[in-house]
N, C-alpha and C. Protein backbone atom coordinates (compact mmCIF):
# COMPACT_ATOMS: atom_id res chain seq x y z
N MET A 1 62.92 -39.35 67.06
CA MET A 1 62.56 -39.36 68.46
C MET A 1 63.83 -39.18 69.29
N THR A 2 63.73 -38.41 70.34
CA THR A 2 64.86 -38.15 71.21
C THR A 2 64.80 -39.06 72.43
N ARG A 3 65.92 -39.62 72.79
CA ARG A 3 65.99 -40.46 73.99
C ARG A 3 66.71 -39.65 75.07
N ILE A 4 66.05 -39.51 76.24
CA ILE A 4 66.63 -38.74 77.34
C ILE A 4 66.45 -39.50 78.65
N THR A 5 67.26 -39.17 79.61
CA THR A 5 67.13 -39.70 80.96
C THR A 5 66.79 -38.52 81.86
N ILE A 6 65.68 -38.64 82.60
CA ILE A 6 65.25 -37.55 83.47
C ILE A 6 64.74 -38.11 84.79
N ASP A 7 64.76 -37.28 85.81
CA ASP A 7 64.13 -37.62 87.08
C ASP A 7 62.72 -37.05 87.04
N VAL A 8 61.74 -37.88 87.38
CA VAL A 8 60.33 -37.48 87.32
C VAL A 8 59.69 -37.72 88.68
N ASN A 9 58.88 -36.77 89.11
CA ASN A 9 58.13 -36.92 90.35
C ASN A 9 57.15 -38.08 90.20
N ASP A 10 57.29 -39.10 91.01
CA ASP A 10 56.47 -40.31 90.88
C ASP A 10 54.98 -40.05 91.10
N GLU A 11 54.65 -39.17 92.04
CA GLU A 11 53.23 -38.86 92.30
C GLU A 11 52.61 -38.17 91.10
N TRP A 12 53.32 -37.22 90.51
CA TRP A 12 52.80 -36.51 89.33
C TRP A 12 52.65 -37.47 88.16
N LEU A 13 53.63 -38.34 88.00
CA LEU A 13 53.59 -39.30 86.90
C LEU A 13 52.39 -40.23 87.05
N GLU A 14 52.15 -40.71 88.26
CA GLU A 14 51.01 -41.60 88.49
C GLU A 14 49.68 -40.86 88.29
N ALA A 15 49.61 -39.62 88.76
CA ALA A 15 48.38 -38.84 88.56
C ALA A 15 48.12 -38.62 87.07
N ALA A 16 49.17 -38.32 86.32
CA ALA A 16 49.03 -38.13 84.88
C ALA A 16 48.62 -39.43 84.20
N ARG A 17 49.21 -40.55 84.63
CA ARG A 17 48.86 -41.85 84.05
C ARG A 17 47.38 -42.16 84.26
N GLU A 18 46.90 -41.91 85.47
CA GLU A 18 45.48 -42.15 85.76
C GLU A 18 44.58 -41.26 84.91
N GLU A 19 44.94 -39.99 84.81
CA GLU A 19 44.14 -39.03 84.04
C GLU A 19 44.13 -39.37 82.56
N LEU A 20 45.28 -39.77 82.04
CA LEU A 20 45.42 -40.03 80.60
C LEU A 20 45.05 -41.47 80.23
N GLY A 21 44.99 -42.35 81.20
CA GLY A 21 44.64 -43.74 80.92
C GLY A 21 45.75 -44.50 80.21
N THR A 22 46.99 -44.12 80.44
CA THR A 22 48.11 -44.77 79.79
C THR A 22 48.65 -45.90 80.67
N GLY A 23 49.41 -46.81 80.05
CA GLY A 23 49.87 -47.98 80.78
C GLY A 23 51.34 -47.96 81.15
N THR A 24 52.12 -47.14 80.50
CA THR A 24 53.55 -47.12 80.80
C THR A 24 54.01 -45.70 81.06
N LYS A 25 55.20 -45.59 81.65
CA LYS A 25 55.77 -44.27 81.91
C LYS A 25 56.02 -43.53 80.61
N VAL A 26 56.57 -44.24 79.63
CA VAL A 26 56.87 -43.61 78.35
C VAL A 26 55.59 -43.11 77.68
N ALA A 27 54.56 -43.95 77.69
CA ALA A 27 53.29 -43.56 77.08
C ALA A 27 52.68 -42.37 77.81
N THR A 28 52.80 -42.36 79.13
CA THR A 28 52.26 -41.26 79.93
C THR A 28 52.95 -39.94 79.61
N ILE A 29 54.26 -39.97 79.58
CA ILE A 29 55.02 -38.74 79.30
C ILE A 29 54.72 -38.26 77.89
N ASN A 30 54.69 -39.17 76.91
CA ASN A 30 54.40 -38.76 75.54
C ASN A 30 52.98 -38.22 75.40
N ALA A 31 52.02 -38.85 76.07
CA ALA A 31 50.64 -38.37 76.00
C ALA A 31 50.51 -37.00 76.66
N ALA A 32 51.21 -36.79 77.77
CA ALA A 32 51.16 -35.48 78.44
C ALA A 32 51.76 -34.40 77.56
N LEU A 33 52.89 -34.69 76.93
CA LEU A 33 53.51 -33.72 76.03
C LEU A 33 52.61 -33.43 74.83
N ALA A 34 51.99 -34.47 74.29
CA ALA A 34 51.08 -34.28 73.15
C ALA A 34 49.89 -33.42 73.55
N SER A 35 49.39 -33.64 74.77
CA SER A 35 48.26 -32.86 75.26
C SER A 35 48.60 -31.37 75.34
N PHE A 36 49.78 -31.06 75.83
CA PHE A 36 50.18 -29.65 75.90
C PHE A 36 50.40 -29.07 74.51
N ALA A 37 50.93 -29.85 73.59
CA ALA A 37 51.09 -29.37 72.22
C ALA A 37 49.73 -29.09 71.59
N ASP A 38 48.75 -29.97 71.84
CA ASP A 38 47.40 -29.77 71.32
C ASP A 38 46.76 -28.52 71.91
N ARG A 39 46.99 -28.29 73.20
CA ARG A 39 46.45 -27.07 73.84
C ARG A 39 47.01 -25.82 73.17
N ARG A 40 48.28 -25.86 72.84
CA ARG A 40 48.91 -24.72 72.19
C ARG A 40 48.28 -24.46 70.82
N LYS A 41 48.03 -25.53 70.07
CA LYS A 41 47.39 -25.39 68.75
C LYS A 41 45.97 -24.85 68.91
N ALA A 42 45.24 -25.35 69.90
CA ALA A 42 43.87 -24.89 70.13
C ALA A 42 43.85 -23.42 70.52
N LYS A 43 44.80 -23.02 71.36
CA LYS A 43 44.87 -21.61 71.76
C LYS A 43 45.13 -20.72 70.54
N ALA A 44 46.01 -21.17 69.66
CA ALA A 44 46.30 -20.39 68.45
C ALA A 44 45.06 -20.29 67.56
N ALA A 45 44.30 -21.37 67.46
CA ALA A 45 43.08 -21.36 66.65
C ALA A 45 42.05 -20.40 67.23
N ILE A 46 41.89 -20.43 68.54
CA ILE A 46 40.93 -19.53 69.21
C ILE A 46 41.36 -18.08 69.01
N GLU A 47 42.65 -17.81 69.15
CA GLU A 47 43.14 -16.46 68.94
C GLU A 47 42.89 -15.99 67.51
N ALA A 48 43.01 -16.90 66.55
CA ALA A 48 42.74 -16.54 65.15
C ALA A 48 41.26 -16.19 64.97
N PHE A 49 40.36 -16.96 65.59
CA PHE A 49 38.93 -16.65 65.50
C PHE A 49 38.61 -15.33 66.19
N ASP A 50 39.31 -15.03 67.27
CA ASP A 50 39.07 -13.77 67.99
C ASP A 50 39.42 -12.56 67.14
N GLU A 51 40.28 -12.72 66.16
CA GLU A 51 40.69 -11.61 65.31
C GLU A 51 39.76 -11.37 64.12
N VAL A 52 38.79 -12.25 63.93
CA VAL A 52 37.89 -12.17 62.78
C VAL A 52 36.57 -11.54 63.21
N ASP A 53 36.14 -10.52 62.47
CA ASP A 53 34.82 -9.94 62.73
C ASP A 53 33.76 -10.89 62.20
N MET A 54 32.76 -11.17 63.01
CA MET A 54 31.70 -12.08 62.61
C MET A 54 30.36 -11.38 62.71
N ASP A 55 29.53 -11.61 61.74
CA ASP A 55 28.20 -11.01 61.70
C ASP A 55 27.18 -12.14 61.79
N PHE A 56 26.49 -12.23 62.91
CA PHE A 56 25.52 -13.28 63.13
C PHE A 56 24.08 -12.81 62.92
N GLU A 57 23.90 -11.63 62.39
CA GLU A 57 22.57 -11.11 62.19
C GLU A 57 21.78 -12.03 61.25
N GLY A 58 20.62 -12.44 61.70
CA GLY A 58 19.77 -13.32 60.90
C GLY A 58 20.17 -14.78 60.95
N SER A 59 21.20 -15.11 61.71
CA SER A 59 21.67 -16.50 61.74
C SER A 59 20.69 -17.43 62.45
N SER A 60 19.87 -16.90 63.34
CA SER A 60 18.93 -17.78 64.06
C SER A 60 17.95 -18.44 63.10
N ALA A 61 17.65 -17.79 62.02
CA ALA A 61 16.72 -18.38 61.04
C ALA A 61 17.35 -19.55 60.30
N SER A 62 18.66 -19.62 60.27
CA SER A 62 19.33 -20.68 59.51
C SER A 62 19.32 -22.02 60.23
N PHE A 63 18.98 -22.04 61.51
CA PHE A 63 18.97 -23.29 62.25
C PHE A 63 17.71 -24.11 61.99
N GLY A 64 16.68 -23.50 61.50
CA GLY A 64 15.43 -24.21 61.23
C GLY A 64 14.64 -24.46 62.50
N TYR A 65 13.50 -25.10 62.36
CA TYR A 65 12.63 -25.44 63.48
C TYR A 65 12.31 -24.23 64.34
N GLY A 66 12.13 -23.09 63.73
CA GLY A 66 11.64 -21.93 64.45
C GLY A 66 12.70 -21.06 65.10
N GLY A 67 13.93 -21.25 64.80
CA GLY A 67 14.93 -20.32 65.34
C GLY A 67 16.19 -20.98 65.82
N GLY A 68 16.99 -20.21 66.52
CA GLY A 68 18.33 -20.62 66.93
C GLY A 68 18.35 -21.58 68.10
N ARG A 69 19.54 -21.85 68.54
CA ARG A 69 19.77 -22.75 69.66
C ARG A 69 20.17 -21.94 70.88
N ASP A 70 19.75 -22.41 72.05
CA ASP A 70 20.11 -21.74 73.30
C ASP A 70 21.45 -22.32 73.77
N LEU A 71 22.51 -21.52 73.65
CA LEU A 71 23.83 -21.97 74.04
C LEU A 71 24.28 -21.34 75.37
N SER A 72 23.34 -20.74 76.08
CA SER A 72 23.70 -20.01 77.29
C SER A 72 24.25 -20.91 78.39
N ARG A 73 23.90 -22.19 78.40
CA ARG A 73 24.38 -23.10 79.45
C ARG A 73 25.47 -24.05 78.94
N LEU A 74 26.00 -23.80 77.78
CA LEU A 74 26.96 -24.72 77.15
C LEU A 74 28.18 -24.98 78.04
N ALA A 75 28.82 -23.95 78.55
CA ALA A 75 30.01 -24.12 79.38
C ALA A 75 29.66 -24.83 80.69
N GLU A 76 28.55 -24.45 81.30
CA GLU A 76 28.13 -25.06 82.56
C GLU A 76 27.84 -26.55 82.38
N GLU A 77 27.16 -26.92 81.29
CA GLU A 77 26.86 -28.33 81.03
C GLU A 77 28.14 -29.14 80.78
N ALA A 78 29.11 -28.54 80.13
CA ALA A 78 30.39 -29.22 79.90
C ALA A 78 31.09 -29.50 81.23
N ARG A 79 31.07 -28.52 82.14
CA ARG A 79 31.69 -28.72 83.46
C ARG A 79 30.96 -29.82 84.23
N GLU A 80 29.63 -29.84 84.14
CA GLU A 80 28.84 -30.86 84.84
C GLU A 80 29.15 -32.25 84.31
N ARG A 81 29.30 -32.39 82.98
CA ARG A 81 29.63 -33.69 82.39
C ARG A 81 31.00 -34.16 82.86
N LYS A 82 31.95 -33.25 82.93
CA LYS A 82 33.30 -33.61 83.34
C LYS A 82 33.32 -34.01 84.81
N ALA A 83 32.57 -33.30 85.65
CA ALA A 83 32.54 -33.59 87.09
C ALA A 83 31.76 -34.86 87.39
N GLY A 84 30.76 -35.14 86.57
CA GLY A 84 29.82 -36.22 86.87
C GLY A 84 30.27 -37.53 86.44
C-alpha cells in the first residue's frame, strides 16, 4: 500500500462518502478508486463480448414456459430503481 499526502476537495469527498456509504476519508478514497478500477474491468469485459459473434436463433425456446423473456424495458427499469 502506498502512503501519500494530497489536497482533496472537501465537497467532493463528502459527496463521495455519502454515495459510497463509507465512514472515513481513507475508506472513501479507497472505495472510490476501487469503483473506478471495477468500471475499467467491466468495460473490458463488455468490449470482449462485443467482439464475439452470437447466434440467438431458437434461444427463446430454451427459456421454457412458452418462450423468451421481454427485456425491452430492462435499462429503463434499472434507472427507475436507482432513482426511486
